[in-house]
Amino acid sequence: MRQLIQSTSRVFVFFLTDILDHFTPKMGLVDGDFTYIEMSKDGGAFVDISGDVTVTEIDYGFYKFTLTTTHTNTVGDLAFYISATGADEAQFLAQVVAVGAGTDPWDVTLPGSYGSGKAGKIVGDNLDAKVGDVKAKTDLLPGAFPTEVADETTSQDLLKRIKKIEKNTVV
């Protein structure tokens, strides 16, 4: 399903077929040929928006009109019913999504069972929890280095340890 960002202007492209065979792209329509362009916001009643938009043919049965910020100001399903002379009626569905400051998709408040908070924080918290689970399990595995090396935390301590090992190694 196509997604539209809440309260943003967006070109809406759609396709129409000829009413005679329901297959051939319907070409050559002009704005006045459209008998209905209706829209429903979030399950509400359909409203005629034909006076708010101008339909332009692209080609090969594709047409377009521009949705304004008023058309996209309600989060939820955005349903369209379009009819034109000599064309099959068409229905389209889009989803208007809310986006937080700076159009950051992770700054969206999630609904329902996801709990409170923003999407990025919820994902981060759950990711941290899973990484913590893995770390707790891998901490029980035997170390890759002898204990005395693992306890030395500075690079200088490690260099001393390497030099000590090199002195004791016969080539």
N, C-alpha and C. Protein backbone atom coordinates (compact mmCIF):
# COMPACT_ATOMS: atom_id res chain seq x y z
N MET A 1 0.85 -1.17 0.00
CA MET A 1 0.00 0.00 0.00
C MET A 1 0.90 1.24 0.00
N ARG A 2 0.51 2.19 -0.80
CA ARG A 2 1.34 3.40 -0.86
C ARG A 2 1.14 4.21 0.42
N GLN A 3 2.23 4.78 0.91
CA GLN A 3 2.17 5.58 2.14
C GLN A 3 2.38 7.05 1.81
N LEU A 4 1.61 7.87 2.49
CA LEU A 4 1.70 9.32 2.34
C LEU A 4 2.02 9.89 3.71
N ILE A 5 2.91 10.85 3.76
CA ILE A 5 3.26 11.48 5.02
C ILE A 5 2.21 12.53 5.36
N GLN A 6 1.77 12.51 6.60
CA GLN A 6 0.71 13.40 7.06
C GLN A 6 1.04 14.86 6.76
N SER A 7 0.02 15.57 6.29
CA SER A 7 0.08 17.01 6.03
C SER A 7 1.19 17.42 5.07
N THR A 8 1.40 16.59 4.03
CA THR A 8 2.34 16.97 2.98
C THR A 8 1.65 16.89 1.63
N SER A 9 2.06 17.73 0.73
CA SER A 9 1.54 17.73 -0.63
C SER A 9 2.22 16.59 -1.40
N ARG A 10 1.45 15.91 -2.25
CA ARG A 10 2.02 14.76 -2.96
C ARG A 10 1.28 14.52 -4.25
N VAL A 11 2.02 14.21 -5.31
CA VAL A 11 1.40 13.86 -6.59
C VAL A 11 0.88 12.43 -6.47
N PHE A 12 -0.38 12.24 -6.86
CA PHE A 12 -1.04 10.94 -6.81
C PHE A 12 -1.23 10.44 -8.23
N VAL A 13 -0.59 9.33 -8.58
CA VAL A 13 -0.66 8.76 -9.93
C VAL A 13 -1.59 7.55 -9.90
N PHE A 14 -2.43 7.44 -10.91
CA PHE A 14 -3.35 6.30 -10.98
C PHE A 14 -3.54 5.87 -12.43
N PHE A 15 -4.12 4.69 -12.61
CA PHE A 15 -4.27 4.07 -13.92
C PHE A 15 -5.75 3.78 -14.17
N LEU A 16 -6.21 4.02 -15.40
CA LEU A 16 -7.59 3.73 -15.77
C LEU A 16 -7.63 2.84 -17.02
N THR A 17 -8.63 1.93 -17.06
CA THR A 17 -8.82 1.07 -18.23
C THR A 17 -10.09 1.48 -18.96
N ASP A 18 -10.15 1.09 -20.23
CA ASP A 18 -11.30 1.41 -21.07
C ASP A 18 -12.50 0.56 -20.66
N ILE A 19 -13.68 1.18 -20.64
CA ILE A 19 -14.90 0.49 -20.22
C ILE A 19 -15.34 -0.59 -21.22
N LEU A 20 -14.88 -0.52 -22.48
CA LEU A 20 -15.31 -1.47 -23.50
C LEU A 20 -14.73 -2.87 -23.29
N ASP A 21 -13.43 -2.95 -22.90
CA ASP A 21 -12.84 -4.29 -22.73
C ASP A 21 -12.22 -4.50 -21.34
N HIS A 22 -12.21 -3.47 -20.52
CA HIS A 22 -11.69 -3.55 -19.14
C HIS A 22 -10.21 -3.93 -19.08
N PHE A 23 -9.53 -3.71 -20.18
CA PHE A 23 -8.12 -4.09 -20.25
C PHE A 23 -7.25 -2.98 -20.87
N THR A 24 -7.71 -2.44 -21.97
CA THR A 24 -6.96 -1.42 -22.70
C THR A 24 -6.83 -0.16 -21.84
N PRO A 25 -5.61 0.40 -21.78
CA PRO A 25 -5.45 1.66 -21.05
C PRO A 25 -6.36 2.74 -21.63
N LYS A 26 -7.04 3.47 -20.77
CA LYS A 26 -7.92 4.56 -21.22
C LYS A 26 -7.07 5.80 -21.38
N MET A 27 -6.96 6.25 -22.63
CA MET A 27 -6.13 7.42 -22.91
C MET A 27 -6.97 8.57 -23.43
N GLY A 28 -6.43 9.77 -23.34
CA GLY A 28 -7.05 10.94 -23.93
C GLY A 28 -8.06 11.67 -23.07
N LEU A 29 -8.20 11.28 -21.79
CA LEU A 29 -9.14 11.99 -20.93
C LEU A 29 -8.58 13.33 -20.50
N VAL A 30 -9.46 14.30 -20.34
CA VAL A 30 -9.07 15.62 -19.83
C VAL A 30 -9.80 15.83 -18.51
N ASP A 31 -9.44 16.84 -17.79
CA ASP A 31 -9.96 17.08 -16.44
C ASP A 31 -11.49 17.06 -16.40
N GLY A 32 -12.15 17.62 -17.40
CA GLY A 32 -13.61 17.67 -17.42
C GLY A 32 -14.28 16.33 -17.64
N ASP A 33 -13.53 15.32 -18.07
CA ASP A 33 -14.09 13.98 -18.30
C ASP A 33 -14.27 13.18 -17.01
N PHE A 34 -13.72 13.66 -15.92
CA PHE A 34 -13.80 12.94 -14.65
C PHE A 34 -15.10 13.33 -13.95
N THR A 35 -15.99 12.33 -13.79
CA THR A 35 -17.29 12.60 -13.20
C THR A 35 -17.25 12.57 -11.67
N TYR A 36 -16.39 11.73 -11.13
CA TYR A 36 -16.22 11.66 -9.67
C TYR A 36 -14.76 11.50 -9.31
N ILE A 37 -14.31 12.30 -8.38
CA ILE A 37 -13.05 12.07 -7.69
C ILE A 37 -13.40 12.28 -6.23
N GLU A 38 -13.60 11.18 -5.54
CA GLU A 38 -14.03 11.26 -4.14
C GLU A 38 -12.99 10.61 -3.25
N MET A 39 -12.94 11.09 -2.02
CA MET A 39 -11.93 10.64 -1.08
C MET A 39 -12.55 10.44 0.29
N SER A 40 -12.11 9.39 1.00
CA SER A 40 -12.52 9.12 2.38
C SER A 40 -11.28 9.11 3.26
N LYS A 41 -11.32 9.91 4.33
CA LYS A 41 -10.21 9.96 5.28
C LYS A 41 -10.51 9.07 6.47
N ASP A 42 -9.63 8.12 6.73
CA ASP A 42 -9.70 7.27 7.92
C ASP A 42 -11.09 6.67 8.15
N GLY A 43 -11.70 6.16 7.09
CA GLY A 43 -13.00 5.51 7.21
C GLY A 43 -14.19 6.43 7.26
N GLY A 44 -13.98 7.72 7.05
CA GLY A 44 -15.09 8.67 7.06
C GLY A 44 -15.87 8.64 5.76
N ALA A 45 -16.88 9.45 5.69
CA ALA A 45 -17.72 9.53 4.49
C ALA A 45 -16.90 10.04 3.30
N PHE A 46 -17.26 9.56 2.11
CA PHE A 46 -16.60 10.03 0.90
C PHE A 46 -17.01 11.47 0.62
N VAL A 47 -16.02 12.27 0.20
CA VAL A 47 -16.23 13.68 -0.10
C VAL A 47 -15.69 13.94 -1.51
N ASP A 48 -16.45 14.70 -2.28
CA ASP A 48 -16.03 15.05 -3.63
C ASP A 48 -14.87 16.04 -3.57
N ILE A 49 -13.74 15.68 -4.19
CA ILE A 49 -12.58 16.59 -4.22
C ILE A 49 -12.26 17.03 -5.64
N SER A 50 -13.17 16.74 -6.60
CA SER A 50 -12.88 17.07 -8.00
C SER A 50 -12.66 18.56 -8.21
N GLY A 51 -13.29 19.41 -7.40
CA GLY A 51 -13.06 20.85 -7.52
C GLY A 51 -11.73 21.29 -6.92
N ASP A 52 -11.11 20.43 -6.10
CA ASP A 52 -9.84 20.77 -5.43
C ASP A 52 -8.62 20.35 -6.24
N VAL A 53 -8.80 19.45 -7.21
CA VAL A 53 -7.65 18.91 -7.93
C VAL A 53 -7.86 19.06 -9.44
N THR A 54 -6.76 19.07 -10.15
CA THR A 54 -6.79 19.08 -11.61
C THR A 54 -6.11 17.81 -12.09
N VAL A 55 -6.84 17.01 -12.84
CA VAL A 55 -6.30 15.75 -13.34
C VAL A 55 -5.60 16.00 -14.67
N THR A 56 -4.40 15.43 -14.79
CA THR A 56 -3.60 15.57 -16.01
C THR A 56 -3.20 14.19 -16.49
N GLU A 57 -3.31 13.98 -17.79
CA GLU A 57 -2.88 12.69 -18.35
C GLU A 57 -1.35 12.66 -18.42
N ILE A 58 -0.79 11.53 -18.02
CA ILE A 58 0.65 11.31 -18.17
C ILE A 58 0.85 10.64 -19.53
N ASP A 59 0.29 9.43 -19.69
CA ASP A 59 0.27 8.67 -20.95
C ASP A 59 -0.05 7.22 -20.64
N TYR A 60 -0.43 6.46 -21.67
CA TYR A 60 -0.68 5.02 -21.55
C TYR A 60 -1.69 4.67 -20.46
N GLY A 61 -2.68 5.50 -20.22
CA GLY A 61 -3.71 5.23 -19.23
C GLY A 61 -3.40 5.73 -17.83
N PHE A 62 -2.24 6.35 -17.67
CA PHE A 62 -1.86 6.90 -16.36
C PHE A 62 -2.23 8.38 -16.29
N TYR A 63 -2.76 8.75 -15.16
CA TYR A 63 -3.17 10.13 -14.89
C TYR A 63 -2.63 10.53 -13.52
N LYS A 64 -2.66 11.84 -13.25
CA LYS A 64 -2.16 12.31 -11.95
C LYS A 64 -2.93 13.54 -11.50
N PHE A 65 -2.93 13.75 -10.19
CA PHE A 65 -3.38 14.99 -9.59
C PHE A 65 -2.58 15.18 -8.32
N THR A 66 -2.58 16.40 -7.80
CA THR A 66 -1.79 16.70 -6.61
C THR A 66 -2.69 16.77 -5.38
N LEU A 67 -2.33 15.96 -4.39
CA LEU A 67 -3.01 16.03 -3.09
C LEU A 67 -2.40 17.18 -2.31
N THR A 68 -3.24 17.95 -1.65
CA THR A 68 -2.75 19.08 -0.85
C THR A 68 -2.54 18.61 0.60
N THR A 69 -1.99 19.49 1.40
CA THR A 69 -1.79 19.18 2.82
C THR A 69 -3.12 18.96 3.53
N THR A 70 -4.19 19.58 3.04
CA THR A 70 -5.52 19.36 3.61
C THR A 70 -6.01 17.95 3.31
N HIS A 71 -5.72 17.44 2.12
CA HIS A 71 -6.13 16.08 1.77
C HIS A 71 -5.43 15.05 2.65
N THR A 72 -4.20 15.31 3.05
CA THR A 72 -3.40 14.33 3.79
C THR A 72 -3.25 14.67 5.28
N ASN A 73 -4.16 15.47 5.83
CA ASN A 73 -3.97 15.92 7.21
C ASN A 73 -4.49 14.95 8.27
N THR A 74 -5.08 13.81 7.87
CA THR A 74 -5.63 12.86 8.83
C THR A 74 -4.90 11.52 8.71
N VAL A 75 -4.34 11.05 9.81
CA VAL A 75 -3.65 9.76 9.82
C VAL A 75 -4.66 8.64 9.63
N GLY A 76 -4.32 7.65 8.83
CA GLY A 76 -5.17 6.48 8.61
C GLY A 76 -5.34 6.20 7.13
N ASP A 77 -6.31 5.35 6.82
CA ASP A 77 -6.57 4.99 5.43
C ASP A 77 -7.11 6.19 4.65
N LEU A 78 -6.67 6.30 3.42
CA LEU A 78 -7.15 7.34 2.51
C LEU A 78 -7.65 6.60 1.27
N ALA A 79 -8.97 6.54 1.11
CA ALA A 79 -9.57 5.79 0.01
C ALA A 79 -10.04 6.75 -1.08
N PHE A 80 -9.85 6.32 -2.33
CA PHE A 80 -10.27 7.12 -3.48
C PHE A 80 -11.22 6.34 -4.35
N TYR A 81 -12.24 7.03 -4.87
CA TYR A 81 -13.15 6.49 -5.86
C TYR A 81 -13.09 7.47 -7.03
N ILE A 82 -12.74 6.94 -8.23
CA ILE A 82 -12.58 7.80 -9.39
C ILE A 82 -13.37 7.22 -10.55
N SER A 83 -14.16 8.07 -11.22
CA SER A 83 -14.85 7.63 -12.43
C SER A 83 -14.69 8.71 -13.50
N ALA A 84 -14.63 8.23 -14.74
CA ALA A 84 -14.47 9.16 -15.86
C ALA A 84 -15.21 8.59 -17.07
N THR A 85 -15.56 9.45 -17.96
CA THR A 85 -16.30 9.07 -19.16
C THR A 85 -15.52 8.02 -19.96
N GLY A 86 -16.17 6.87 -20.22
CA GLY A 86 -15.56 5.83 -21.05
C GLY A 86 -14.52 4.99 -20.34
N ALA A 87 -14.35 5.18 -19.03
CA ALA A 87 -13.34 4.42 -18.28
C ALA A 87 -14.01 3.60 -17.18
N ASP A 88 -13.39 2.48 -16.84
CA ASP A 88 -13.87 1.71 -15.70
C ASP A 88 -13.70 2.55 -14.44
N GLU A 89 -14.62 2.38 -13.50
CA GLU A 89 -14.46 3.05 -12.20
C GLU A 89 -13.22 2.46 -11.52
N ALA A 90 -12.56 3.28 -10.74
CA ALA A 90 -11.34 2.83 -10.09
C ALA A 90 -11.37 3.21 -8.61
N GLN A 91 -10.82 2.33 -7.81
CA GLN A 91 -10.69 2.58 -6.38
C GLN A 91 -9.22 2.38 -6.00
N PHE A 92 -8.75 3.25 -5.14
CA PHE A 92 -7.37 3.19 -4.69
C PHE A 92 -7.33 3.41 -3.19
N LEU A 93 -6.34 2.81 -2.56
CA LEU A 93 -6.19 2.97 -1.12
C LEU A 93 -4.75 3.38 -0.81
N ALA A 94 -4.61 4.34 0.05
CA ALA A 94 -3.30 4.78 0.52
C ALA A 94 -3.35 4.86 2.04
N GLN A 95 -2.21 4.98 2.66
CA GLN A 95 -2.12 5.08 4.11
C GLN A 95 -1.41 6.38 4.46
N VAL A 96 -2.06 7.23 5.24
CA VAL A 96 -1.42 8.46 5.71
C VAL A 96 -0.77 8.13 7.04
N VAL A 97 0.54 8.39 7.13
CA VAL A 97 1.28 8.08 8.35
C VAL A 97 1.80 9.35 8.99
N ALA A 98 1.79 9.37 10.31
CA ALA A 98 2.32 10.51 11.06
C ALA A 98 3.82 10.40 11.15
N VAL A 99 4.47 11.51 11.06
CA VAL A 99 5.93 11.54 11.19
C VAL A 99 6.28 12.65 12.14
N GLY A 100 7.24 12.37 13.03
CA GLY A 100 7.62 13.34 14.04
C GLY A 100 8.47 14.47 13.49
N ALA A 101 9.02 15.25 14.40
CA ALA A 101 9.83 16.41 14.03
C ALA A 101 10.98 15.98 13.14
N GLY A 102 11.24 16.77 12.12
CA GLY A 102 12.35 16.49 11.22
C GLY A 102 12.07 15.31 10.29
N THR A 103 10.83 14.91 10.14
CA THR A 103 10.42 13.77 9.34
C THR A 103 11.26 12.53 9.62
N ASP A 104 11.53 12.27 10.89
CA ASP A 104 12.28 11.10 11.31
C ASP A 104 11.29 9.96 11.56
N PRO A 105 11.31 8.90 10.74
CA PRO A 105 10.33 7.83 10.91
C PRO A 105 10.47 7.09 12.24
N TRP A 106 11.60 7.21 12.92
CA TRP A 106 11.78 6.55 14.21
C TRP A 106 11.20 7.37 15.35
N ASP A 107 10.74 8.59 15.03
CA ASP A 107 10.18 9.48 16.04
C ASP A 107 8.66 9.40 16.10
N VAL A 108 8.11 8.32 15.56
CA VAL A 108 6.66 8.14 15.53
C VAL A 108 6.20 7.41 16.80
N THR A 109 5.13 7.89 17.40
CA THR A 109 4.56 7.19 18.54
C THR A 109 3.80 5.98 18.03
N LEU A 110 4.12 4.82 18.57
CA LEU A 110 3.48 3.59 18.13
C LEU A 110 2.16 3.38 18.86
N PRO A 111 1.19 2.80 18.17
CA PRO A 111 -0.14 2.62 18.78
C PRO A 111 -0.24 1.33 19.60
N GLY A 112 -1.30 1.24 20.36
CA GLY A 112 -1.76 0.00 20.98
C GLY A 112 -0.77 -0.77 21.82
N SER A 113 -0.59 -2.04 21.48
CA SER A 113 0.13 -2.98 22.32
C SER A 113 1.64 -2.76 22.35
N TYR A 114 2.14 -1.80 21.60
CA TYR A 114 3.57 -1.57 21.59
C TYR A 114 4.04 -0.82 22.83
N GLY A 115 3.13 -0.29 23.62
CA GLY A 115 3.51 0.45 24.81
C GLY A 115 3.80 1.90 24.47
N SER A 116 4.13 2.65 25.49
CA SER A 116 4.36 4.07 25.27
C SER A 116 5.77 4.32 24.80
N GLY A 117 5.98 5.45 24.18
CA GLY A 117 7.31 5.81 23.70
C GLY A 117 7.34 5.98 22.21
N LYS A 118 8.49 6.34 21.71
CA LYS A 118 8.69 6.53 20.29
C LYS A 118 9.29 5.27 19.67
N ALA A 119 9.07 5.07 18.39
CA ALA A 119 9.49 3.85 17.70
C ALA A 119 10.98 3.58 17.88
N GLY A 120 11.81 4.59 17.70
CA GLY A 120 13.25 4.40 17.82
C GLY A 120 13.66 3.94 19.22
N LYS A 121 13.05 4.54 20.25
CA LYS A 121 13.37 4.16 21.63
C LYS A 121 12.91 2.73 21.92
N ILE A 122 11.71 2.39 21.46
CA ILE A 122 11.19 1.04 21.71
C ILE A 122 12.07 0.00 21.02
N VAL A 123 12.43 0.25 19.77
CA VAL A 123 13.31 -0.68 19.06
C VAL A 123 14.66 -0.75 19.77
N GLY A 124 15.21 0.40 20.15
CA GLY A 124 16.49 0.42 20.85
C GLY A 124 16.45 -0.33 22.17
N ASP A 125 15.41 -0.11 22.96
CA ASP A 125 15.28 -0.80 24.24
C ASP A 125 15.21 -2.31 24.04
N ASN A 126 14.42 -2.74 23.07
CA ASN A 126 14.30 -4.18 22.82
C ASN A 126 15.58 -4.76 22.25
N LEU A 127 16.26 -4.00 21.40
CA LEU A 127 17.53 -4.45 20.86
C LEU A 127 18.56 -4.56 21.97
N ASP A 128 18.61 -3.56 22.84
CA ASP A 128 19.54 -3.63 23.97
C ASP A 128 19.26 -4.84 24.84
N ALA A 129 18.01 -5.15 25.06
CA ALA A 129 17.64 -6.31 25.88
C ALA A 129 18.14 -7.60 25.23
N LYS A 130 17.97 -7.72 23.91
CA LYS A 130 18.42 -8.94 23.22
C LYS A 130 19.94 -9.03 23.22
N VAL A 131 20.63 -7.92 22.99
CA VAL A 131 22.09 -7.93 23.03
C VAL A 131 22.57 -8.30 24.43
N GLY A 132 21.88 -7.78 25.46
CA GLY A 132 22.22 -8.12 26.84
C GLY A 132 22.05 -9.61 27.11
N ASP A 133 21.00 -10.22 26.57
CA ASP A 133 20.79 -11.67 26.73
C ASP A 133 21.93 -12.45 26.10
N VAL A 134 22.33 -12.05 24.90
CA VAL A 134 23.42 -12.74 24.21
C VAL A 134 24.72 -12.58 24.99
N LYS A 135 25.00 -11.37 25.47
CA LYS A 135 26.23 -11.11 26.22
C LYS A 135 26.26 -11.95 27.50
N ALA A 136 25.12 -12.04 28.19
CA ALA A 136 25.08 -12.84 29.42
C ALA A 136 25.42 -14.30 29.13
N LYS A 137 24.99 -14.82 27.99
CA LYS A 137 25.28 -16.21 27.64
C LYS A 137 26.72 -16.39 27.19
N THR A 138 27.26 -15.43 26.44
CA THR A 138 28.63 -15.57 25.96
C THR A 138 29.66 -15.27 27.05
N ASP A 139 29.28 -14.57 28.09
CA ASP A 139 30.21 -14.34 29.20
C ASP A 139 30.59 -15.64 29.89
N LEU A 140 29.77 -16.67 29.74
CA LEU A 140 30.04 -17.96 30.36
C LEU A 140 30.99 -18.82 29.55
N LEU A 141 31.27 -18.42 28.31
CA LEU A 141 32.19 -19.18 27.45
C LEU A 141 33.63 -18.97 27.91
N PRO A 142 34.50 -19.97 27.67
CA PRO A 142 35.92 -19.79 28.04
C PRO A 142 36.54 -18.64 27.25
N GLY A 143 37.45 -17.92 27.87
CA GLY A 143 38.08 -16.77 27.23
C GLY A 143 39.03 -17.17 26.13
N ALA A 144 39.30 -16.25 25.21
CA ALA A 144 40.22 -16.51 24.10
C ALA A 144 41.66 -16.30 24.54
N PHE A 145 41.89 -15.59 25.64
CA PHE A 145 43.22 -15.31 26.13
C PHE A 145 43.37 -15.85 27.54
N PRO A 146 44.61 -16.12 27.95
CA PRO A 146 44.81 -16.49 29.35
C PRO A 146 44.30 -15.38 30.27
N THR A 147 43.91 -15.73 31.46
CA THR A 147 43.31 -14.78 32.40
C THR A 147 44.19 -13.57 32.64
N GLU A 148 45.49 -13.79 32.75
CA GLU A 148 46.35 -12.63 33.04
C GLU A 148 46.37 -11.63 31.90
N VAL A 149 46.21 -12.08 30.65
CA VAL A 149 46.17 -11.15 29.52
C VAL A 149 44.83 -10.42 29.50
N ALA A 150 43.76 -11.13 29.75
CA ALA A 150 42.43 -10.53 29.71
C ALA A 150 42.28 -9.47 30.80
N ASP A 151 42.97 -9.63 31.91
CA ASP A 151 42.86 -8.67 33.01
C ASP A 151 43.64 -7.39 32.74
N GLU A 152 44.63 -7.47 31.86
CA GLU A 152 45.42 -6.28 31.54
C GLU A 152 44.63 -5.43 30.56
N THR A 153 44.34 -4.21 30.95
CA THR A 153 43.42 -3.41 30.14
C THR A 153 44.10 -2.35 29.28
N THR A 154 45.30 -1.95 29.59
CA THR A 154 45.91 -0.89 28.79
C THR A 154 46.80 -1.50 27.70
N SER A 155 46.99 -0.76 26.63
CA SER A 155 47.84 -1.24 25.54
C SER A 155 49.29 -1.37 26.00
N GLN A 156 49.69 -0.52 26.93
CA GLN A 156 51.07 -0.60 27.45
C GLN A 156 51.26 -1.92 28.21
N ASP A 157 50.27 -2.32 29.01
CA ASP A 157 50.34 -3.60 29.72
C ASP A 157 50.40 -4.77 28.75
N LEU A 158 49.64 -4.69 27.68
CA LEU A 158 49.64 -5.76 26.69
C LEU A 158 50.98 -5.83 25.97
N LEU A 159 51.56 -4.68 25.63
CA LEU A 159 52.88 -4.67 24.99
C LEU A 159 53.94 -5.31 25.89
N LYS A 160 53.90 -5.01 27.18
CA LYS A 160 54.83 -5.63 28.13
C LYS A 160 54.67 -7.15 28.12
N ARG A 161 53.41 -7.59 28.10
CA ARG A 161 53.12 -9.02 28.10
C ARG A 161 53.64 -9.68 26.82
N ILE A 162 53.47 -9.05 25.69
CA ILE A 162 53.95 -9.59 24.41
C ILE A 162 55.47 -9.70 24.41
N LYS A 163 56.15 -8.65 24.89
CA LYS A 163 57.62 -8.68 24.94
C LYS A 163 58.10 -9.79 25.86
N LYS A 164 57.40 -10.01 26.97
CA LYS A 164 57.77 -11.06 27.92
C LYS A 164 57.63 -12.43 27.25
N ILE A 165 56.57 -12.62 26.48
CA ILE A 165 56.34 -13.88 25.77
C ILE A 165 57.40 -14.08 24.69
N GLU A 166 57.75 -12.98 23.96
CA GLU A 166 58.77 -13.07 22.90
C GLU A 166 60.12 -13.48 23.48
N LYS A 167 60.49 -12.96 24.65
CA LYS A 167 61.77 -13.31 25.29
C LYS A 167 61.82 -14.79 25.64
N ASN A 168 60.70 -15.37 26.03
CA ASN A 168 60.66 -16.75 26.45
C ASN A 168 60.45 -17.74 25.29
N THR A 169 60.26 -17.19 24.05
CA THR A 169 60.03 -18.05 22.90
C THR A 169 61.34 -18.32 22.18
N VAL A 170 61.62 -19.59 21.95
CA VAL A 170 62.84 -19.97 21.23
C VAL A 170 62.50 -20.08 19.75
N VAL A 171 63.36 -19.42 18.92
CA VAL A 171 63.12 -19.43 17.48
C VAL A 171 64.03 -20.40 16.80
